Amino acid sequence: MTAIDEALQNAEALLGTEVGVSNWITVDQTMIDRFADVTHDTQWIHVDPERAAAETPFGGTIAHGFLSLSLASRFAYDCFPMLPGQVMGINYGFNKLRFLSPVRAGSRLRGRFVLAAVTKRNARELLRENTLTIEIEGQETPALVAQWLGMAVFE
């Protein structure tokens, strides 16, 4: 059996189950400010703590939705080591993405992955779809839920 066929068989046995929970990451004001600088999204709800405390219902600044989403790569590193015979992993995109709750500065986030689908695209590519939930510590409603596609490329 080839490495990709073994990976497919192993993944099929896990369909519908939780396959990983990442470590927590703190999203502090410094991280938010750096993301604002890099993306040129300097809206005051992200970068002006005094104004955000006075003029929003959040009690302070909130992270950009795309900042929370961008941490998905880090969460995946925590949960998905390279498979035997795999030479790289590629972000293949999203089928669905919803931002559900604002992430206040100082919050801690983590990713929770449930394997939703797996497809062998060809002799070298295994496409996995995971339901990714990015949780906010201490809150019932997550920051976001997404159907994330990842391509495992084999030698």
N, C-alpha and C. Protein backbone atom coordinates (compact mmCIF):
# COMPACT_ATOMS: atom_id res chain seq x y z
N MET A 1 0.85 -1.19 0.00
CA MET A 1 0.00 0.00 0.00
C MET A 1 0.90 1.25 0.00
N THR A 2 0.57 2.24 -0.82
CA THR A 2 1.36 3.47 -0.88
C THR A 2 1.08 4.33 0.34
N ALA A 3 1.96 5.28 0.59
CA ALA A 3 1.81 6.19 1.74
C ALA A 3 0.51 6.98 1.64
N ILE A 4 0.17 7.45 0.44
CA ILE A 4 -1.05 8.24 0.30
C ILE A 4 -2.29 7.37 0.51
N ASP A 5 -2.25 6.14 0.03
CA ASP A 5 -3.40 5.25 0.23
C ASP A 5 -3.58 4.90 1.70
N GLU A 6 -2.48 4.72 2.40
CA GLU A 6 -2.55 4.46 3.84
C GLU A 6 -3.10 5.68 4.58
N ALA A 7 -2.64 6.87 4.19
CA ALA A 7 -3.15 8.11 4.81
C ALA A 7 -4.64 8.27 4.54
N LEU A 8 -5.08 7.97 3.33
CA LEU A 8 -6.50 8.05 2.99
C LEU A 8 -7.31 7.08 3.85
N GLN A 9 -6.86 5.86 3.95
CA GLN A 9 -7.57 4.85 4.75
C GLN A 9 -7.65 5.28 6.22
N ASN A 10 -6.55 5.79 6.76
CA ASN A 10 -6.54 6.25 8.15
C ASN A 10 -7.49 7.43 8.35
N ALA A 11 -7.49 8.35 7.39
CA ALA A 11 -8.36 9.53 7.49
C ALA A 11 -9.83 9.15 7.38
N GLU A 12 -10.15 8.24 6.48
CA GLU A 12 -11.54 7.82 6.32
C GLU A 12 -12.10 7.25 7.61
N ALA A 13 -11.26 6.59 8.39
CA ALA A 13 -11.70 6.03 9.67
C ALA A 13 -12.00 7.11 10.70
N LEU A 14 -11.51 8.34 10.46
CA LEU A 14 -11.70 9.44 11.41
C LEU A 14 -12.78 10.44 10.99
N LEU A 15 -13.43 10.19 9.88
CA LEU A 15 -14.44 11.13 9.40
C LEU A 15 -15.48 11.42 10.48
N GLY A 16 -15.77 12.70 10.67
CA GLY A 16 -16.77 13.11 11.66
C GLY A 16 -16.26 13.20 13.08
N THR A 17 -15.00 12.94 13.28
CA THR A 17 -14.45 12.99 14.64
C THR A 17 -13.49 14.16 14.80
N GLU A 18 -13.32 14.55 16.05
CA GLU A 18 -12.35 15.61 16.36
C GLU A 18 -10.95 15.04 16.18
N VAL A 19 -10.15 15.71 15.36
CA VAL A 19 -8.81 15.22 15.06
C VAL A 19 -7.70 16.09 15.63
N GLY A 20 -8.06 17.18 16.30
CA GLY A 20 -7.03 18.00 16.92
C GLY A 20 -7.59 19.21 17.64
N VAL A 21 -6.92 19.56 18.73
CA VAL A 21 -7.19 20.79 19.47
C VAL A 21 -5.83 21.44 19.73
N SER A 22 -5.69 22.68 19.32
CA SER A 22 -4.40 23.36 19.40
C SER A 22 -4.14 23.91 20.79
N ASN A 23 -2.96 24.44 20.93
CA ASN A 23 -2.62 25.22 22.12
C ASN A 23 -3.31 26.58 22.05
N TRP A 24 -3.42 27.24 23.20
CA TRP A 24 -3.98 28.59 23.26
C TRP A 24 -2.96 29.61 22.79
N ILE A 25 -3.44 30.67 22.15
CA ILE A 25 -2.61 31.81 21.76
C ILE A 25 -3.29 33.07 22.26
N THR A 26 -2.53 33.94 22.90
CA THR A 26 -3.06 35.22 23.37
C THR A 26 -3.00 36.25 22.25
N VAL A 27 -4.13 36.89 22.01
CA VAL A 27 -4.21 37.96 21.01
C VAL A 27 -4.21 39.27 21.78
N ASP A 28 -3.02 39.85 21.91
CA ASP A 28 -2.89 41.09 22.69
C ASP A 28 -2.88 42.31 21.77
N GLN A 29 -2.84 43.48 22.36
CA GLN A 29 -2.90 44.71 21.57
C GLN A 29 -1.70 44.84 20.63
N THR A 30 -0.53 44.39 21.06
CA THR A 30 0.64 44.45 20.20
C THR A 30 0.43 43.63 18.93
N MET A 31 -0.13 42.42 19.08
CA MET A 31 -0.40 41.59 17.91
C MET A 31 -1.42 42.28 16.99
N ILE A 32 -2.46 42.85 17.58
CA ILE A 32 -3.49 43.53 16.80
C ILE A 32 -2.88 44.72 16.05
N ASP A 33 -2.06 45.51 16.73
CA ASP A 33 -1.41 46.67 16.09
C ASP A 33 -0.50 46.24 14.95
N ARG A 34 0.27 45.18 15.15
CA ARG A 34 1.17 44.70 14.10
C ARG A 34 0.38 44.20 12.89
N PHE A 35 -0.72 43.51 13.14
CA PHE A 35 -1.58 43.04 12.04
C PHE A 35 -2.17 44.24 11.30
N ALA A 36 -2.60 45.25 12.03
CA ALA A 36 -3.14 46.46 11.41
C ALA A 36 -2.11 47.12 10.50
N ASP A 37 -0.86 47.19 10.98
CA ASP A 37 0.20 47.78 10.17
C ASP A 37 0.45 47.00 8.89
N VAL A 38 0.52 45.69 9.00
CA VAL A 38 0.83 44.84 7.85
C VAL A 38 -0.30 44.88 6.82
N THR A 39 -1.55 44.90 7.28
CA THR A 39 -2.69 44.84 6.36
C THR A 39 -3.24 46.20 5.98
N HIS A 40 -2.69 47.26 6.59
CA HIS A 40 -3.16 48.62 6.34
C HIS A 40 -4.62 48.81 6.76
N ASP A 41 -5.05 48.00 7.72
CA ASP A 41 -6.40 48.13 8.27
C ASP A 41 -6.28 48.70 9.67
N THR A 42 -6.24 50.02 9.73
CA THR A 42 -6.02 50.71 11.01
C THR A 42 -7.29 51.33 11.56
N GLN A 43 -8.43 50.69 11.29
CA GLN A 43 -9.68 51.19 11.83
C GLN A 43 -9.57 51.30 13.35
N TRP A 44 -10.12 52.37 13.91
CA TRP A 44 -9.94 52.68 15.33
C TRP A 44 -10.46 51.60 16.27
N ILE A 45 -11.45 50.80 15.85
CA ILE A 45 -11.95 49.74 16.75
C ILE A 45 -10.88 48.70 17.04
N HIS A 46 -9.81 48.69 16.21
CA HIS A 46 -8.71 47.76 16.41
C HIS A 46 -7.51 48.41 17.11
N VAL A 47 -7.26 49.69 16.85
CA VAL A 47 -5.98 50.27 17.26
C VAL A 47 -6.07 51.44 18.25
N ASP A 48 -7.25 51.86 18.63
CA ASP A 48 -7.40 52.97 19.56
C ASP A 48 -8.15 52.49 20.81
N PRO A 49 -7.41 51.97 21.81
CA PRO A 49 -8.05 51.40 22.99
C PRO A 49 -8.96 52.37 23.74
N GLU A 50 -8.57 53.62 23.85
CA GLU A 50 -9.40 54.58 24.59
C GLU A 50 -10.72 54.85 23.87
N ARG A 51 -10.64 55.11 22.58
CA ARG A 51 -11.86 55.37 21.82
C ARG A 51 -12.76 54.13 21.77
N ALA A 52 -12.14 52.95 21.57
CA ALA A 52 -12.91 51.71 21.50
C ALA A 52 -13.62 51.44 22.84
N ALA A 53 -12.96 51.78 23.94
CA ALA A 53 -13.59 51.59 25.26
C ALA A 53 -14.77 52.53 25.43
N ALA A 54 -14.63 53.74 24.89
CA ALA A 54 -15.67 54.75 25.08
C ALA A 54 -16.84 54.61 24.09
N GLU A 55 -16.57 54.15 22.87
CA GLU A 55 -17.56 54.23 21.82
C GLU A 55 -18.06 52.90 21.26
N THR A 56 -17.60 51.78 21.81
CA THR A 56 -18.08 50.48 21.32
C THR A 56 -18.67 49.67 22.48
N PRO A 57 -19.44 48.67 22.17
CA PRO A 57 -19.97 47.80 23.22
C PRO A 57 -18.96 46.74 23.67
N PHE A 58 -17.74 46.77 23.13
CA PHE A 58 -16.76 45.72 23.40
C PHE A 58 -15.91 46.00 24.63
N GLY A 59 -15.92 47.23 25.13
CA GLY A 59 -15.11 47.57 26.30
C GLY A 59 -13.65 47.83 25.98
N GLY A 60 -13.30 47.84 24.73
CA GLY A 60 -11.92 48.07 24.28
C GLY A 60 -11.79 47.63 22.85
N THR A 61 -10.55 47.50 22.40
CA THR A 61 -10.31 47.11 21.02
C THR A 61 -10.63 45.64 20.79
N ILE A 62 -10.88 45.33 19.53
CA ILE A 62 -11.09 43.95 19.11
C ILE A 62 -10.13 43.62 17.98
N ALA A 63 -9.80 42.35 17.87
CA ALA A 63 -8.93 41.88 16.79
C ALA A 63 -9.68 41.90 15.47
N HIS A 64 -8.96 42.05 14.41
CA HIS A 64 -9.51 41.90 13.06
C HIS A 64 -9.98 40.45 12.90
N GLY A 65 -11.09 40.27 12.23
CA GLY A 65 -11.54 38.90 11.95
C GLY A 65 -10.48 38.11 11.21
N PHE A 66 -9.82 38.78 10.26
CA PHE A 66 -8.79 38.08 9.49
C PHE A 66 -7.55 37.76 10.33
N LEU A 67 -7.31 38.51 11.40
CA LEU A 67 -6.23 38.15 12.31
C LEU A 67 -6.57 36.83 12.99
N SER A 68 -7.78 36.72 13.51
CA SER A 68 -8.19 35.46 14.14
C SER A 68 -8.09 34.31 13.15
N LEU A 69 -8.55 34.53 11.92
CA LEU A 69 -8.48 33.50 10.90
C LEU A 69 -7.04 33.13 10.56
N SER A 70 -6.16 34.13 10.50
CA SER A 70 -4.77 33.87 10.12
C SER A 70 -4.06 32.96 11.12
N LEU A 71 -4.55 32.91 12.35
CA LEU A 71 -3.95 32.02 13.35
C LEU A 71 -4.26 30.55 13.07
N ALA A 72 -5.17 30.28 12.15
CA ALA A 72 -5.51 28.90 11.80
C ALA A 72 -4.27 28.11 11.40
N SER A 73 -3.35 28.74 10.69
CA SER A 73 -2.14 28.04 10.28
C SER A 73 -1.34 27.57 11.49
N ARG A 74 -1.21 28.44 12.49
CA ARG A 74 -0.50 28.06 13.71
C ARG A 74 -1.23 26.92 14.43
N PHE A 75 -2.55 27.02 14.49
CA PHE A 75 -3.33 25.97 15.14
C PHE A 75 -3.14 24.63 14.42
N ALA A 76 -3.09 24.67 13.10
CA ALA A 76 -2.89 23.45 12.31
C ALA A 76 -1.51 22.84 12.60
N TYR A 77 -0.48 23.68 12.75
CA TYR A 77 0.85 23.16 13.08
C TYR A 77 0.82 22.39 14.39
N ASP A 78 0.02 22.86 15.34
CA ASP A 78 -0.09 22.17 16.62
C ASP A 78 -0.75 20.81 16.47
N CYS A 79 -1.64 20.66 15.50
CA CYS A 79 -2.51 19.48 15.43
C CYS A 79 -2.16 18.48 14.34
N PHE A 80 -1.45 18.90 13.31
CA PHE A 80 -1.26 18.03 12.15
C PHE A 80 0.22 17.89 11.77
N PRO A 81 0.90 16.91 12.37
CA PRO A 81 2.28 16.66 11.92
C PRO A 81 2.26 16.10 10.50
N MET A 82 3.38 16.18 9.85
CA MET A 82 3.49 15.62 8.50
C MET A 82 3.21 14.12 8.57
N LEU A 83 2.49 13.62 7.58
CA LEU A 83 2.18 12.20 7.49
C LEU A 83 3.35 11.45 6.85
N PRO A 84 3.49 10.16 7.12
CA PRO A 84 4.56 9.41 6.45
C PRO A 84 4.44 9.55 4.93
N GLY A 85 5.53 9.96 4.30
CA GLY A 85 5.54 10.15 2.85
C GLY A 85 5.08 11.52 2.38
N GLN A 86 4.54 12.33 3.28
CA GLN A 86 4.09 13.68 2.91
C GLN A 86 5.29 14.60 2.81
N VAL A 87 5.34 15.41 1.76
CA VAL A 87 6.46 16.34 1.58
C VAL A 87 6.08 17.78 1.86
N MET A 88 4.77 18.08 1.81
CA MET A 88 4.33 19.44 2.15
C MET A 88 2.82 19.46 2.34
N GLY A 89 2.39 20.52 2.98
CA GLY A 89 0.97 20.79 3.12
C GLY A 89 0.67 22.15 2.51
N ILE A 90 -0.49 22.26 1.86
CA ILE A 90 -0.85 23.51 1.18
C ILE A 90 -2.24 23.94 1.63
N ASN A 91 -2.37 25.21 1.97
CA ASN A 91 -3.67 25.79 2.27
C ASN A 91 -4.43 25.86 0.95
N TYR A 92 -5.56 25.18 0.89
CA TYR A 92 -6.32 25.08 -0.36
C TYR A 92 -7.54 25.99 -0.37
N GLY A 93 -7.82 26.64 0.79
CA GLY A 93 -8.91 27.60 0.83
C GLY A 93 -10.04 27.18 1.75
N PHE A 94 -11.18 27.86 1.58
CA PHE A 94 -12.33 27.66 2.45
C PHE A 94 -13.59 27.47 1.61
N ASN A 95 -14.44 26.56 2.07
CA ASN A 95 -15.76 26.43 1.46
C ASN A 95 -16.75 27.35 2.14
N LYS A 96 -16.56 27.60 3.42
CA LYS A 96 -17.49 28.44 4.17
C LYS A 96 -16.74 29.01 5.36
N LEU A 97 -17.07 30.25 5.70
CA LEU A 97 -16.43 30.92 6.82
C LEU A 97 -17.41 31.91 7.42
N ARG A 98 -17.56 31.86 8.73
CA ARG A 98 -18.43 32.81 9.43
C ARG A 98 -17.72 33.32 10.68
N PHE A 99 -17.68 34.65 10.82
CA PHE A 99 -17.18 35.29 12.03
C PHE A 99 -18.35 35.44 12.98
N LEU A 100 -18.28 34.82 14.15
CA LEU A 100 -19.43 34.74 15.04
C LEU A 100 -19.35 35.64 16.27
N SER A 101 -18.14 35.91 16.74
CA SER A 101 -17.99 36.70 17.98
C SER A 101 -16.72 37.53 17.91
N PRO A 102 -16.78 38.78 18.37
CA PRO A 102 -15.56 39.60 18.37
C PRO A 102 -14.54 39.07 19.36
N VAL A 103 -13.28 39.27 19.03
CA VAL A 103 -12.17 38.84 19.88
C VAL A 103 -11.58 40.08 20.53
N ARG A 104 -11.82 40.23 21.80
CA ARG A 104 -11.31 41.39 22.53
C ARG A 104 -9.80 41.26 22.75
N ALA A 105 -9.11 42.39 22.73
CA ALA A 105 -7.67 42.40 23.00
C ALA A 105 -7.43 41.72 24.35
N GLY A 106 -6.44 40.84 24.38
CA GLY A 106 -6.11 40.10 25.59
C GLY A 106 -6.75 38.72 25.65
N SER A 107 -7.63 38.41 24.70
CA SER A 107 -8.29 37.09 24.68
C SER A 107 -7.31 36.01 24.26
N ARG A 108 -7.65 34.79 24.67
CA ARG A 108 -6.88 33.62 24.23
C ARG A 108 -7.75 32.80 23.29
N LEU A 109 -7.13 32.37 22.18
CA LEU A 109 -7.82 31.60 21.15
C LEU A 109 -7.15 30.24 20.98
N ARG A 110 -7.94 29.27 20.53
CA ARG A 110 -7.39 27.98 20.11
C ARG A 110 -8.26 27.43 18.99
N GLY A 111 -7.68 26.51 18.23
CA GLY A 111 -8.40 25.88 17.14
C GLY A 111 -8.81 24.46 17.47
N ARG A 112 -10.01 24.12 17.05
CA ARG A 112 -10.54 22.76 17.23
C ARG A 112 -10.92 22.25 15.84
N PHE A 113 -10.44 21.07 15.46
CA PHE A 113 -10.61 20.54 14.12
C PHE A 113 -11.42 19.25 14.13
N VAL A 114 -12.42 19.17 13.27
CA VAL A 114 -13.21 17.95 13.05
C VAL A 114 -13.08 17.61 11.57
N LEU A 115 -12.64 16.39 11.28
CA LEU A 115 -12.47 15.97 9.89
C LEU A 115 -13.84 15.74 9.24
N ALA A 116 -14.13 16.51 8.20
CA ALA A 116 -15.43 16.44 7.54
C ALA A 116 -15.40 15.62 6.25
N ALA A 117 -14.27 15.64 5.54
CA ALA A 117 -14.18 14.92 4.27
C ALA A 117 -12.71 14.71 3.91
N VAL A 118 -12.47 13.69 3.13
CA VAL A 118 -11.12 13.44 2.61
C VAL A 118 -11.27 12.83 1.21
N THR A 119 -10.42 13.32 0.29
CA THR A 119 -10.50 12.87 -1.10
C THR A 119 -9.09 12.71 -1.65
N LYS A 120 -8.84 11.60 -2.29
CA LYS A 120 -7.58 11.42 -3.02
C LYS A 120 -7.77 12.05 -4.40
N ARG A 121 -7.08 13.15 -4.65
CA ARG A 121 -7.24 13.86 -5.92
C ARG A 121 -6.44 13.22 -7.05
N ASN A 122 -5.27 12.71 -6.72
CA ASN A 122 -4.42 12.01 -7.68
C ASN A 122 -3.38 11.21 -6.89
N ALA A 123 -2.38 10.70 -7.53
CA ALA A 123 -1.40 9.83 -6.87
C ALA A 123 -0.56 10.54 -5.82
N ARG A 124 -0.59 11.88 -5.81
CA ARG A 124 0.26 12.64 -4.87
C ARG A 124 -0.52 13.57 -3.95
N GLU A 125 -1.81 13.80 -4.17
CA GLU A 125 -2.54 14.83 -3.43
C GLU A 125 -3.74 14.27 -2.69
N LEU A 126 -3.76 14.55 -1.40
CA LEU A 126 -4.88 14.16 -0.55
C LEU A 126 -5.52 15.43 -0.01
N LEU A 127 -6.79 15.67 -0.37
CA LEU A 127 -7.51 16.87 0.05
C LEU A 127 -8.34 16.54 1.29
N ARG A 128 -8.08 17.29 2.36
CA ARG A 128 -8.83 17.11 3.60
C ARG A 128 -9.64 18.36 3.89
N GLU A 129 -10.89 18.17 4.28
CA GLU A 129 -11.73 19.27 4.70
C GLU A 129 -12.00 19.11 6.19
N ASN A 130 -11.63 20.13 6.94
CA ASN A 130 -11.87 20.14 8.38
C ASN A 130 -12.82 21.27 8.74
N THR A 131 -13.71 20.98 9.66
CA THR A 131 -14.47 22.05 10.29
C THR A 131 -13.57 22.62 11.36
N LEU A 132 -13.19 23.87 11.19
CA LEU A 132 -12.34 24.56 12.15
C LEU A 132 -13.19 25.50 12.98
N THR A 133 -13.13 25.33 14.28
CA THR A 133 -13.78 26.24 15.20
C THR A 133 -12.68 26.93 15.99
N ILE A 134 -12.63 28.26 15.91
CA ILE A 134 -11.66 29.01 16.71
C ILE A 134 -12.40 29.51 17.94
N GLU A 135 -12.03 28.93 19.07
CA GLU A 135 -12.67 29.20 20.34
C GLU A 135 -12.01 30.37 21.06
N ILE A 136 -12.82 31.10 21.82
CA ILE A 136 -12.33 32.17 22.69
C ILE A 136 -12.44 31.64 24.12
N GLU A 137 -11.34 31.63 24.82
CA GLU A 137 -11.34 31.09 26.19
C GLU A 137 -12.39 31.81 27.05
N GLY A 138 -13.23 31.01 27.70
CA GLY A 138 -14.23 31.56 28.60
C GLY A 138 -15.51 32.02 27.95
N GLN A 139 -15.64 31.85 26.64
CA GLN A 139 -16.85 32.27 25.93
C GLN A 139 -17.50 31.08 25.26
N GLU A 140 -18.81 31.06 25.27
CA GLU A 140 -19.54 29.96 24.63
C GLU A 140 -19.52 30.08 23.11
N THR A 141 -19.70 31.30 22.59
CA THR A 141 -19.73 31.51 21.14
C THR A 141 -18.31 31.64 20.62
N PRO A 142 -17.94 30.86 19.62
CA PRO A 142 -16.57 30.94 19.10
C PRO A 142 -16.35 32.21 18.28
N ALA A 143 -15.09 32.50 18.04
CA ALA A 143 -14.74 33.63 17.19
C ALA A 143 -15.19 33.37 15.76
N LEU A 144 -14.99 32.14 15.29
CA LEU A 144 -15.37 31.81 13.92
C LEU A 144 -15.50 30.31 13.76
N VAL A 145 -16.21 29.95 12.71
CA VAL A 145 -16.30 28.56 12.26
C VAL A 145 -16.07 28.57 10.76
N ALA A 146 -15.26 27.62 10.28
CA ALA A 146 -14.92 27.58 8.86
C ALA A 146 -14.80 26.14 8.38
N GLN A 147 -15.08 25.94 7.12
CA GLN A 147 -14.79 24.68 6.43
C GLN A 147 -13.48 24.90 5.68
N TRP A 148 -12.39 24.37 6.23
CA TRP A 148 -11.05 24.66 5.72
C TRP A 148 -10.52 23.47 4.94
N LEU A 149 -10.00 23.73 3.76
CA LEU A 149 -9.43 22.72 2.90
C LEU A 149 -7.91 22.74 2.98
N GLY A 150 -7.33 21.58 3.18
CA GLY A 150 -5.87 21.46 3.21
C GLY A 150 -5.44 20.32 2.31
N MET A 151 -4.40 20.57 1.53
CA MET A 151 -3.88 19.57 0.61
C MET A 151 -2.59 18.99 1.17
N ALA A 152 -2.58 17.68 1.38
CA ALA A 152 -1.36 16.98 1.76
C ALA A 152 -0.75 16.46 0.46
N VAL A 153 0.51 16.85 0.20
CA VAL A 153 1.20 16.44 -1.03
C VAL A 153 2.24 15.40 -0.64
N PHE A 154 2.22 14.28 -1.35
CA PHE A 154 3.12 13.15 -1.06
C PHE A 154 4.21 13.05 -2.11
N GLU A 155 5.30 12.37 -1.76
CA GLU A 155 6.41 12.19 -2.70
C GLU A 155 6.06 11.27 -3.84
